[in-house]
Amino acid sequence: MGRAFLIAAIGAVLIAVGYGLGTFAESYSLNQCYALGLDTLATEGEVAASSKSDAALARFRRLVRSLPLAGPKTNCKRVQLALDAFDTPD
């Protein structure tokens, strides 16, 4: 009985460690999405504000509305696609 308990305990620890590493990797990836989105917003916001152009402000508004940021449910691929689409010339 002691040996079975030890094997079960080791299995439980391995599962917990794997789950923890997976959770960390997912949150890191999500934070990278937000960092990329916020950096792009900051850069484009500065460009729009310094240009004082209605077209630049409209472009910035389109960027803000196009980013699919949904808190912890954010899909990083969708954020990257939105940023890539924004970077293409109008």
PDB file of N, CA and C in Angstrom:
ATOM      1  N   MET A   1       0.818  -1.191   0.000  1.00  0.00           N
ATOM      2  CA  MET A   1       0.000   0.000   0.000  1.00  0.00           C
ATOM      3  C   MET A   1       0.866   1.260   0.000  1.00  0.00           C
ATOM      4  N   GLY A   2       1.988   1.246   0.680  1.00  0.00           N
ATOM      5  CA  GLY A   2       2.856   2.405   0.716  1.00  0.00           C
ATOM      6  C   GLY A   2       3.437   2.743  -0.646  1.00  0.00           C
ATOM      7  N   ARG A   3       3.758   1.683  -1.409  1.00  0.00           N
ATOM      8  CA  ARG A   3       4.337   1.899  -2.736  1.00  0.00           C
ATOM      9  C   ARG A   3       3.305   2.506  -3.690  1.00  0.00           C
ATOM     10  N   ALA A   4       2.069   2.014  -3.643  1.00  0.00           N
ATOM     11  CA  ALA A   4       0.998   2.545  -4.488  1.00  0.00           C
ATOM     12  C   ALA A   4       0.722   4.009  -4.149  1.00  0.00           C
ATOM     13  N   PHE A   5       0.752   4.330  -2.868  1.00  0.00           N
ATOM     14  CA  PHE A   5       0.529   5.715  -2.449  1.00  0.00           C
ATOM     15  C   PHE A   5       1.644   6.612  -2.975  1.00  0.00           C
ATOM     16  N   LEU A   6       2.885   6.151  -2.912  1.00  0.00           N
ATOM     17  CA  LEU A   6       4.025   6.929  -3.404  1.00  0.00           C
ATOM     18  C   LEU A   6       3.913   7.170  -4.904  1.00  0.00           C
ATOM     19  N   ILE A   7       3.534   6.157  -5.644  1.00  0.00           N
ATOM     20  CA  ILE A   7       3.373   6.303  -7.103  1.00  0.00           C
ATOM     21  C   ILE A   7       2.247   7.291  -7.411  1.00  0.00           C
ATOM     22  N   ALA A   8       1.140   7.190  -6.685  1.00  0.00           N
ATOM     23  CA  ALA A   8       0.018   8.120  -6.891  1.00  0.00           C
ATOM     24  C   ALA A   8       0.422   9.543  -6.530  1.00  0.00           C
ATOM     25  N   ALA A   9       1.189   9.703  -5.456  1.00  0.00           N
ATOM     26  CA  ALA A   9       1.626  11.040  -5.044  1.00  0.00           C
ATOM     27  C   ALA A   9       2.567  11.644  -6.083  1.00  0.00           C
ATOM     28  N   ILE A  10       3.490  10.836  -6.613  1.00  0.00           N
ATOM     29  CA  ILE A  10       4.410  11.331  -7.649  1.00  0.00           C
ATOM     30  C   ILE A  10       3.626  11.721  -8.900  1.00  0.00           C
ATOM     31  N   GLY A  11       2.647  10.896  -9.263  1.00  0.00           N
ATOM     32  CA  GLY A  11       1.803  11.217 -10.416  1.00  0.00           C
ATOM     33  C   GLY A  11       1.046  12.522 -10.211  1.00  0.00           C
ATOM     34  N   ALA A  12       0.504  12.718  -9.023  1.00  0.00           N
ATOM     35  CA  ALA A  12      -0.238  13.953  -8.727  1.00  0.00           C
ATOM     36  C   ALA A  12       0.679  15.170  -8.786  1.00  0.00           C
ATOM     37  N   VAL A  13       1.896  15.022  -8.265  1.00  0.00           N
ATOM     38  CA  VAL A  13       2.853  16.139  -8.306  1.00  0.00           C
ATOM     39  C   VAL A  13       3.225  16.465  -9.754  1.00  0.00           C
ATOM     40  N   LEU A  14       3.455  15.447 -10.569  1.00  0.00           N
ATOM     41  CA  LEU A  14       3.795  15.682 -11.974  1.00  0.00           C
ATOM     42  C   LEU A  14       2.657  16.369 -12.720  1.00  0.00           C
ATOM     43  N   ILE A  15       1.438  15.959 -12.446  1.00  0.00           N
ATOM     44  CA  ILE A  15       0.278  16.597 -13.083  1.00  0.00           C
ATOM     45  C   ILE A  15       0.167  18.054 -12.638  1.00  0.00           C
ATOM     46  N   ALA A  16       0.358  18.308 -11.350  1.00  0.00           N
ATOM     47  CA  ALA A  16       0.273  19.680 -10.838  1.00  0.00           C
ATOM     48  C   ALA A  16       1.357  20.565 -11.440  1.00  0.00           C
ATOM     49  N   VAL A  17       2.568  20.038 -11.550  1.00  0.00           N
ATOM     50  CA  VAL A  17       3.667  20.814 -12.145  1.00  0.00           C
ATOM     51  C   VAL A  17       3.375  21.095 -13.618  1.00  0.00           C
ATOM     52  N   GLY A  18       2.905  20.094 -14.339  1.00  0.00           N
ATOM     53  CA  GLY A  18       2.558  20.290 -15.746  1.00  0.00           C
ATOM     54  C   GLY A  18       1.461  21.322 -15.929  1.00  0.00           C
ATOM     55  N   TYR A  19       0.452  21.254 -15.074  1.00  0.00           N
ATOM     56  CA  TYR A  19      -0.642  22.228 -15.135  1.00  0.00           C
ATOM     57  C   TYR A  19      -0.132  23.635 -14.845  1.00  0.00           C
ATOM     58  N   GLY A  20       0.723  23.751 -13.829  1.00  0.00           N
ATOM     59  CA  GLY A  20       1.281  25.066 -13.483  1.00  0.00           C
ATOM     60  C   GLY A  20       2.113  25.643 -14.611  1.00  0.00           C
ATOM     61  N   LEU A  21       2.935  24.812 -15.235  1.00  0.00           N
ATOM     62  CA  LEU A  21       3.754  25.292 -16.362  1.00  0.00           C
ATOM     63  C   LEU A  21       2.881  25.700 -17.548  1.00  0.00           C
ATOM     64  N   GLY A  22       1.835  24.931 -17.806  1.00  0.00           N
ATOM     65  CA  GLY A  22       0.923  25.286 -18.895  1.00  0.00           C
ATOM     66  C   GLY A  22       0.195  26.589 -18.630  1.00  0.00           C
ATOM     67  N   THR A  23      -0.236  26.786 -17.412  1.00  0.00           N
ATOM     68  CA  THR A  23      -0.912  28.027 -17.039  1.00  0.00           C
ATOM     69  C   THR A  23       0.023  29.217 -17.178  1.00  0.00           C
ATOM     70  N   PHE A  24       1.268  29.055 -16.729  1.00  0.00           N
ATOM     71  CA  PHE A  24       2.252  30.131 -16.856  1.00  0.00           C
ATOM     72  C   PHE A  24       2.499  30.460 -18.319  1.00  0.00           C
ATOM     73  N   ALA A  25       2.682  29.447 -19.157  1.00  0.00           N
ATOM     74  CA  ALA A  25       2.944  29.680 -20.582  1.00  0.00           C
ATOM     75  C   ALA A  25       1.779  30.405 -21.241  1.00  0.00           C
ATOM     76  N   GLU A  26       0.559  30.024 -20.895  1.00  0.00           N
ATOM     77  CA  GLU A  26      -0.616  30.669 -21.485  1.00  0.00           C
ATOM     78  C   GLU A  26      -0.717  32.133 -21.053  1.00  0.00           C
ATOM     79  N   SER A  27      -0.485  32.413 -19.775  1.00  0.00           N
ATOM     80  CA  SER A  27      -0.576  33.797 -19.307  1.00  0.00           C
ATOM     81  C   SER A  27       0.556  34.640 -19.898  1.00  0.00           C
ATOM     82  N   TYR A  28       1.729  34.046 -20.084  1.00  0.00           N
ATOM     83  CA  TYR A  28       2.839  34.769 -20.704  1.00  0.00           C
ATOM     84  C   TYR A  28       2.483  35.146 -22.140  1.00  0.00           C
ATOM     85  N   SER A  29       1.912  34.206 -22.872  1.00  0.00           N
ATOM     86  CA  SER A  29       1.515  34.462 -24.252  1.00  0.00           C
ATOM     87  C   SER A  29       0.458  35.566 -24.316  1.00  0.00           C
ATOM     88  N   LEU A  30      -0.515  35.512 -23.419  1.00  0.00           N
ATOM     89  CA  LEU A  30      -1.559  36.538 -23.385  1.00  0.00           C
ATOM     90  C   LEU A  30      -0.966  37.902 -23.067  1.00  0.00           C
ATOM     91  N   ASN A  31      -0.031  37.951 -22.128  1.00  0.00           N
ATOM     92  CA  ASN A  31       0.609  39.220 -21.795  1.00  0.00           C
ATOM     93  C   ASN A  31       1.398  39.773 -22.970  1.00  0.00           C
ATOM     94  N   GLN A  32       1.997  38.908 -23.766  1.00  0.00           N
ATOM     95  CA  GLN A  32       2.713  39.361 -24.953  1.00  0.00           C
ATOM     96  C   GLN A  32       1.752  39.991 -25.954  1.00  0.00           C
ATOM     97  N   CYS A  33       0.569  39.412 -26.087  1.00  0.00           N
ATOM     98  CA  CYS A  33      -0.443  39.990 -26.984  1.00  0.00           C
ATOM     99  C   CYS A  33      -0.825  41.394 -26.531  1.00  0.00           C
ATOM    100  N   TYR A  34      -1.089  41.523 -25.236  1.00  0.00           N
ATOM    101  CA  TYR A  34      -1.453  42.834 -24.710  1.00  0.00           C
ATOM    102  C   TYR A  34      -0.308  43.829 -24.864  1.00  0.00           C
ATOM    103  N   ALA A  35       0.908  43.385 -24.612  1.00  0.00           N
ATOM    104  CA  ALA A  35       2.064  44.279 -24.740  1.00  0.00           C
ATOM    105  C   ALA A  35       2.200  44.755 -26.177  1.00  0.00           C
ATOM    106  N   LEU A  36       2.046  43.851 -27.134  1.00  0.00           N
ATOM    107  CA  LEU A  36       2.130  44.230 -28.543  1.00  0.00           C
ATOM    108  C   LEU A  36       1.013  45.203 -28.913  1.00  0.00           C
ATOM    109  N   GLY A  37      -0.206  44.895 -28.477  1.00  0.00           N
ATOM    110  CA  GLY A  37      -1.338  45.773 -28.772  1.00  0.00           C
ATOM    111  C   GLY A  37      -1.179  47.144 -28.150  1.00  0.00           C
ATOM    112  N   LEU A  38      -0.752  47.191 -26.897  1.00  0.00           N
ATOM    113  CA  LEU A  38      -0.581  48.481 -26.216  1.00  0.00           C
ATOM    114  C   LEU A  38       0.567  49.289 -26.811  1.00  0.00           C
ATOM    115  N   ASP A  39       1.642  48.617 -27.202  1.00  0.00           N
ATOM    116  CA  ASP A  39       2.758  49.325 -27.835  1.00  0.00           C
ATOM    117  C   ASP A  39       2.322  49.935 -29.155  1.00  0.00           C
ATOM    118  N   THR A  40       1.569  49.181 -29.935  1.00  0.00           N
ATOM    119  CA  THR A  40       1.065  49.709 -31.203  1.00  0.00           C
ATOM    120  C   THR A  40       0.114  50.871 -30.962  1.00  0.00           C
ATOM    121  N   LEU A  41      -0.762  50.741 -29.968  1.00  0.00           N
ATOM    122  CA  LEU A  41      -1.674  51.844 -29.649  1.00  0.00           C
ATOM    123  C   LEU A  41      -0.907  53.094 -29.237  1.00  0.00           C
ATOM    124  N   ALA A  42       0.117  52.938 -28.414  1.00  0.00           N
ATOM    125  CA  ALA A  42       0.903  54.092 -27.966  1.00  0.00           C
ATOM    126  C   ALA A  42       1.605  54.760 -29.136  1.00  0.00           C
ATOM    127  N   THR A  43       2.230  53.961 -29.982  1.00  0.00           N
ATOM    128  CA  THR A  43       2.963  54.509 -31.124  1.00  0.00           C
ATOM    129  C   THR A  43       2.023  55.232 -32.089  1.00  0.00           C
ATOM    130  N   GLU A  44       0.944  54.558 -32.451  1.00  0.00           N
ATOM    131  CA  GLU A  44       0.003  55.171 -33.397  1.00  0.00           C
ATOM    132  C   GLU A  44      -0.714  56.363 -32.780  1.00  0.00           C
ATOM    133  N   GLY A  45      -0.974  56.322 -31.485  1.00  0.00           N
ATOM    134  CA  GLY A  45      -1.590  57.463 -30.807  1.00  0.00           C
ATOM    135  C   GLY A  45      -0.691  58.688 -30.842  1.00  0.00           C
ATOM    136  N   GLU A  46       0.601  58.475 -30.624  1.00  0.00           N
ATOM    137  CA  GLU A  46       1.552  59.587 -30.696  1.00  0.00           C
ATOM    138  C   GLU A  46       1.619  60.161 -32.101  1.00  0.00           C
ATOM    139  N   VAL A  47       1.627  59.289 -33.100  1.00  0.00           N
ATOM    140  CA  VAL A  47       1.667  59.745 -34.500  1.00  0.00           C
ATOM    141  C   VAL A  47       0.417  60.559 -34.816  1.00  0.00           C
ATOM    142  N   ALA A  48      -0.749  60.052 -34.412  1.00  0.00           N
ATOM    143  CA  ALA A  48      -2.004  60.752 -34.696  1.00  0.00           C
ATOM    144  C   ALA A  48      -2.067  62.089 -33.973  1.00  0.00           C
ATOM    145  N   ALA A  49      -1.623  62.118 -32.719  1.00  0.00           N
ATOM    146  CA  ALA A  49      -1.687  63.358 -31.943  1.00  0.00           C
ATOM    147  C   ALA A  49      -0.713  64.405 -32.480  1.00  0.00           C
ATOM    148  N   SER A  50       0.463  63.964 -32.871  1.00  0.00           N
ATOM    149  CA  SER A  50       1.458  64.938 -33.348  1.00  0.00           C
ATOM    150  C   SER A  50       1.136  65.443 -34.746  1.00  0.00           C
ATOM    151  N   SER A  51       0.440  64.650 -35.541  1.00  0.00           N
ATOM    152  CA  SER A  51       0.149  65.083 -36.911  1.00  0.00           C
ATOM    153  C   SER A  51      -1.001  66.082 -36.960  1.00  0.00           C
ATOM    154  N   LYS A  52      -1.897  66.015 -35.983  1.00  0.00           N
ATOM    155  CA  LYS A  52      -3.079  66.891 -35.944  1.00  0.00           C
ATOM    156  C   LYS A  52      -3.909  66.780 -37.226  1.00  0.00           C
ATOM    157  N   SER A  53      -3.841  65.608 -37.844  1.00  0.00           N
ATOM    158  CA  SER A  53      -4.556  65.359 -39.089  1.00  0.00           C
ATOM    159  C   SER A  53      -5.820  64.566 -38.794  1.00  0.00           C
ATOM    160  N   ASP A  54      -6.924  64.959 -39.430  1.00  0.00           N
ATOM    161  CA  ASP A  54      -8.170  64.215 -39.255  1.00  0.00           C
ATOM    162  C   ASP A  54      -8.030  62.790 -39.778  1.00  0.00           C
ATOM    163  N   ALA A  55      -7.286  62.608 -40.871  1.00  0.00           N
ATOM    164  CA  ALA A  55      -7.086  61.274 -41.433  1.00  0.00           C
ATOM    165  C   ALA A  55      -6.299  60.396 -40.464  1.00  0.00           C
ATOM    166  N   ALA A  56      -5.277  60.958 -39.827  1.00  0.00           N
ATOM    167  CA  ALA A  56      -4.473  60.193 -38.865  1.00  0.00           C
ATOM    168  C   ALA A  56      -5.310  59.819 -37.641  1.00  0.00           C
ATOM    169  N   LEU A  57      -6.158  60.725 -37.195  1.00  0.00           N
ATOM    170  CA  LEU A  57      -7.031  60.419 -36.059  1.00  0.00           C
ATOM    171  C   LEU A  57      -8.047  59.335 -36.426  1.00  0.00           C
ATOM    172  N   ALA A  58      -8.572  59.401 -37.644  1.00  0.00           N
ATOM    173  CA  ALA A  58      -9.527  58.380 -38.094  1.00  0.00           C
ATOM    174  C   ALA A  58      -8.825  57.022 -38.191  1.00  0.00           C
ATOM    175  N   ARG A  59      -7.591  57.024 -38.677  1.00  0.00           N
ATOM    176  CA  ARG A  59      -6.817  55.778 -38.763  1.00  0.00           C
ATOM    177  C   ARG A  59      -6.594  55.195 -37.364  1.00  0.00           C
ATOM    178  N   PHE A  60      -6.288  56.058 -36.395  1.00  0.00           N
ATOM    179  CA  PHE A  60      -6.069  55.593 -35.022  1.00  0.00           C
ATOM    180  C   PHE A  60      -7.361  55.030 -34.439  1.00  0.00           C
ATOM    181  N   ARG A  61      -8.493  55.682 -34.705  1.00  0.00           N
ATOM    182  CA  ARG A  61      -9.778  55.174 -34.225  1.00  0.00           C
ATOM    183  C   ARG A  61     -10.057  53.782 -34.796  1.00  0.00           C
ATOM    184  N   ARG A  62      -9.752  53.597 -36.095  1.00  0.00           N
ATOM    185  CA  ARG A  62      -9.953  52.280 -36.713  1.00  0.00           C
ATOM    186  C   ARG A  62      -9.080  51.228 -36.034  1.00  0.00           C
ATOM    187  N   LEU A  63      -7.846  51.585 -35.707  1.00  0.00           N
ATOM    188  CA  LEU A  63      -6.962  50.647 -35.026  1.00  0.00           C
ATOM    189  C   LEU A  63      -7.539  50.240 -33.676  1.00  0.00           C
ATOM    190  N   VAL A  64      -7.964  51.223 -32.896  1.00  0.00           N
ATOM    191  CA  VAL A  64      -8.497  50.937 -31.564  1.00  0.00           C
ATOM    192  C   VAL A  64      -9.707  50.012 -31.658  1.00  0.00           C
ATOM    193  N   ARG A  65     -10.557  50.272 -32.601  1.00  0.00           N
ATOM    194  CA  ARG A  65     -11.768  49.451 -32.741  1.00  0.00           C
ATOM    195  C   ARG A  65     -11.482  48.071 -33.330  1.00  0.00           C
ATOM    196  N   SER A  66     -10.375  47.926 -34.054  1.00  0.00           N
ATOM    197  CA  SER A  66     -10.102  46.647 -34.724  1.00  0.00           C
ATOM    198  C   SER A  66      -9.434  45.615 -33.829  1.00  0.00           C
ATOM    199  N   LEU A  67      -8.836  46.042 -32.715  1.00  0.00           N
ATOM    200  CA  LEU A  67      -8.131  45.085 -31.868  1.00  0.00           C
ATOM    201  C   LEU A  67      -9.121  44.238 -31.066  1.00  0.00           C
ATOM    202  N   PRO A  68      -9.069  42.931 -31.253  1.00  0.00           N
ATOM    203  CA  PRO A  68     -10.007  42.049 -30.553  1.00  0.00           C
ATOM    204  C   PRO A  68      -9.505  41.672 -29.157  1.00  0.00           C
ATOM    205  N   LEU A  69      -9.393  42.653 -28.277  1.00  0.00           N
ATOM    206  CA  LEU A  69      -8.930  42.387 -26.915  1.00  0.00           C
ATOM    207  C   LEU A  69     -10.135  42.023 -26.058  1.00  0.00           C
ATOM    208  N   ALA A  70     -10.087  40.843 -25.460  1.00  0.00           N
ATOM    209  CA  ALA A  70     -11.222  40.339 -24.691  1.00  0.00           C
ATOM    210  C   ALA A  70     -10.777  39.785 -23.347  1.00  0.00           C
ATOM    211  N   GLY A  71      -9.893  40.494 -22.675  1.00  0.00           N
ATOM    212  CA  GLY A  71      -9.434  40.034 -21.368  1.00  0.00           C
ATOM    213  C   GLY A  71      -8.769  38.679 -21.462  1.00  0.00           C
ATOM    214  N   PRO A  72      -9.039  37.804 -20.507  1.00  0.00           N
ATOM    215  CA  PRO A  72      -8.380  36.502 -20.515  1.00  0.00           C
ATOM    216  C   PRO A  72      -8.799  35.605 -21.680  1.00  0.00           C
ATOM    217  N   LYS A  73      -9.848  35.983 -22.385  1.00  0.00           N
ATOM    218  CA  LYS A  73     -10.307  35.186 -23.531  1.00  0.00           C
ATOM    219  C   LYS A  73      -9.728  35.695 -24.849  1.00  0.00           C
ATOM    220  N   THR A  74      -8.761  36.598 -24.782  1.00  0.00           N
ATOM    221  CA  THR A  74      -8.159  37.153 -25.989  1.00  0.00           C
ATOM    222  C   THR A  74      -7.478  36.054 -26.790  1.00  0.00           C
ATOM    223  N   ASN A  75      -7.716  36.063 -28.086  1.00  0.00           N
ATOM    224  CA  ASN A  75      -7.082  35.116 -28.992  1.00  0.00           C
ATOM    225  C   ASN A  75      -5.890  35.824 -29.633  1.00  0.00           C
ATOM    226  N   CYS A  76      -4.682  35.379 -29.293  1.00  0.00           N
ATOM    227  CA  CYS A  76      -3.471  36.058 -29.751  1.00  0.00           C
ATOM    228  C   CYS A  76      -3.359  36.095 -31.269  1.00  0.00           C
ATOM    229  N   LYS A  77      -3.780  35.038 -31.924  1.00  0.00           N
ATOM    230  CA  LYS A  77      -3.703  35.011 -33.390  1.00  0.00           C
ATOM    231  C   LYS A  77      -4.597  36.085 -34.001  1.00  0.00           C
ATOM    232  N   ARG A  78      -5.768  36.293 -33.410  1.00  0.00           N
ATOM    233  CA  ARG A  78      -6.669  37.330 -33.922  1.00  0.00           C
ATOM    234  C   ARG A  78      -6.081  38.724 -33.700  1.00  0.00           C
ATOM    235  N   VAL A  79      -5.415  38.930 -32.568  1.00  0.00           N
ATOM    236  CA  VAL A  79      -4.768  40.224 -32.306  1.00  0.00           C
ATOM    237  C   VAL A  79      -3.673  40.457 -33.338  1.00  0.00           C
ATOM    238  N   GLN A  80      -2.842  39.442 -33.582  1.00  0.00           N
ATOM    239  CA  GLN A  80      -1.757  39.583 -34.554  1.00  0.00           C
ATOM    240  C   GLN A  80      -2.306  39.841 -35.953  1.00  0.00           C
ATOM    241  N   LEU A  81      -3.370  39.142 -36.330  1.00  0.00           N
ATOM    242  CA  LEU A  81      -3.977  39.373 -37.639  1.00  0.00           C
ATOM    243  C   LEU A  81      -4.511  40.801 -37.756  1.00  0.00           C
ATOM    244  N   ALA A  82      -5.137  41.306 -36.704  1.00  0.00           N
ATOM    245  CA  ALA A  82      -5.660  42.675 -36.725  1.00  0.00           C
ATOM    246  C   ALA A  82      -4.522  43.684 -36.855  1.00  0.00           C
ATOM    247  N   LEU A  83      -3.412  43.451 -36.139  1.00  0.00           N
ATOM    248  CA  LEU A  83      -2.277  44.363 -36.237  1.00  0.00           C
ATOM    249  C   LEU A  83      -1.620  44.278 -37.608  1.00  0.00           C
ATOM    250  N   ASP A  84      -1.522  43.076 -38.160  1.00  0.00           N
ATOM    251  CA  ASP A  84      -0.954  42.919 -39.501  1.00  0.00           C
ATOM    252  C   ASP A  84      -1.826  43.615 -40.539  1.00  0.00           C
ATOM    253  N   ALA A  85      -3.144  43.485 -40.413  1.00  0.00           N
ATOM    254  CA  ALA A  85      -4.061  44.134 -41.343  1.00  0.00           C
ATOM    255  C   ALA A  85      -3.959  45.653 -41.223  1.00  0.00           C
ATOM    256  N   PHE A  86      -3.750  46.129 -40.028  1.00  0.00           N
ATOM    257  CA  PHE A  86      -3.622  47.569 -39.822  1.00  0.00           C
ATOM    258  C   PHE A  86      -2.349  48.120 -40.452  1.00  0.00           C
ATOM    259  N   ASP A  87      -1.276  47.317 -40.404  1.00  0.00           N
ATOM    260  CA  ASP A  87       0.008  47.776 -40.950  1.00  0.00           C
ATOM    261  C   ASP A  87       0.024  47.846 -42.458  1.00  0.00           C
ATOM    262  N   THR A  88      -0.914  47.172 -43.124  1.00  0.00           N
ATOM    263  CA  THR A  88      -0.950  47.233 -44.587  1.00  0.00           C
ATOM    264  C   THR A  88      -1.476  48.609 -45.001  1.00  0.00           C
ATOM    265  N   PRO A  89      -0.984  49.116 -46.119  1.00  0.00           N
ATOM    266  CA  PRO A  89      -1.430  50.443 -46.564  1.00  0.00           C
ATOM    267  C   PRO A  89      -2.927  50.460 -46.866  1.00  0.00           C
ATOM    268  N   ASP A  90      -3.550  51.598 -46.591  1.00  0.00           N
ATOM    269  CA  ASP A  90      -5.002  51.759 -46.848  1.00  0.00           C
ATOM    270  C   ASP A  90      -5.292  51.789 -48.330  1.00  0.00           C
TER     271      ASP A  90
END
